[in-house]
Amino acid sequence: MSHRLDDYADLRRGMHDDLLSRDDSETMVPSGFIHAVPRPRITQAVIMAGGKGTRLHPYSALFPKPLMPLNDMPVLELLLRQMKIAGITDVILAVNHLSHLLEAFFGNGDRLGLKIRYRLESKPLGTAGALGSMLDELDDDFFVTNGDLLTTLSLERMMAAHYRSEAAISVGVYKREVKIDFGLIEIDQRSRLTAYREKPTSSHFVSMGVYALRRDAVRNHLISDEYLDMPSLIMSVKDTGGDINCYHEDCVWLDIGRPDDFALAQQMFVSERNQFLAS
């Protein structure tokens, strides 16, 4: 468990590091006065909240994973509050497993100052398939997130980067260290040892489960009521010439589907609550 505590310390330090500089939204005019230049904003999000959360059984047998509590607040409520701070006003929840509990808890979103609608999946549709039946309800650009997203990433900075890049899709990515708790042996074709590394650590960029999508760029890749995962959608768009932007900033991200990360999330939310709600 000591390496989890080390992770906690590293994450806490990261929360206080300088994030990427703010985008310049002002411009000088000949008179010398500064005028704000309006820039496009994403005000709509689709949240994929239909999964069964099998990695968190037996807890997720009684609660949908987005309702798993962080101290006194479900993880999905934290995400919705972060969206509200970022200027998002319209949210569509794609639901399936224990959907009645989600709808009973969040209602129409008035309590959070949001408009929340629900789209019930008659069958599992993956992390992107639900978009196929709601294309005509979506804005030109919109966010898609997992329902258990736990991060301090700034959605405002990500949307600004998305518009600057003019990408078809922007993917939020996080640099994660992968630790192997064994001595790693490498061998050649003759079974002769070529390297021996004791408990190595490697770094990789992983998807955070937050995306900004341009509707017209994904329309032809979606079919109503057909299963599709987000990686397949992204690669389909890329293979037909679409530009995929990867957005990275210094932030905290935890995969609460992993019991160790969920336990760590509980500790961090208690001690760093304001950092999460300032995203």
Foldseek 3Di string as FASTA:
>chain_A
DVVLVVVLVVQVVLLPDDKDDDDDQWDADPVRDIDGHDDDAAQEEEEEQADQLVLPPPVSVVPRQQQPDLVPGRLLVLVLLLSVVLNHAEYEYEYEPVVVVVCVVCPQPVVSNHGYHYDYQPDDAAQCQQCQVCLVVDDQKYKYFYSNWAKLDRPNRVRVVCVVVVFQKEFEKDKDKDWDQAWDFDADPVRHTDDTHGGDIDIDIDTRGMMMHGSVLQNVVYHHSHHDYPVVSVVVSVVVPTGYHYDYMRMDTFDCSNVSSVVSSSVCCVVPVVSSSVD
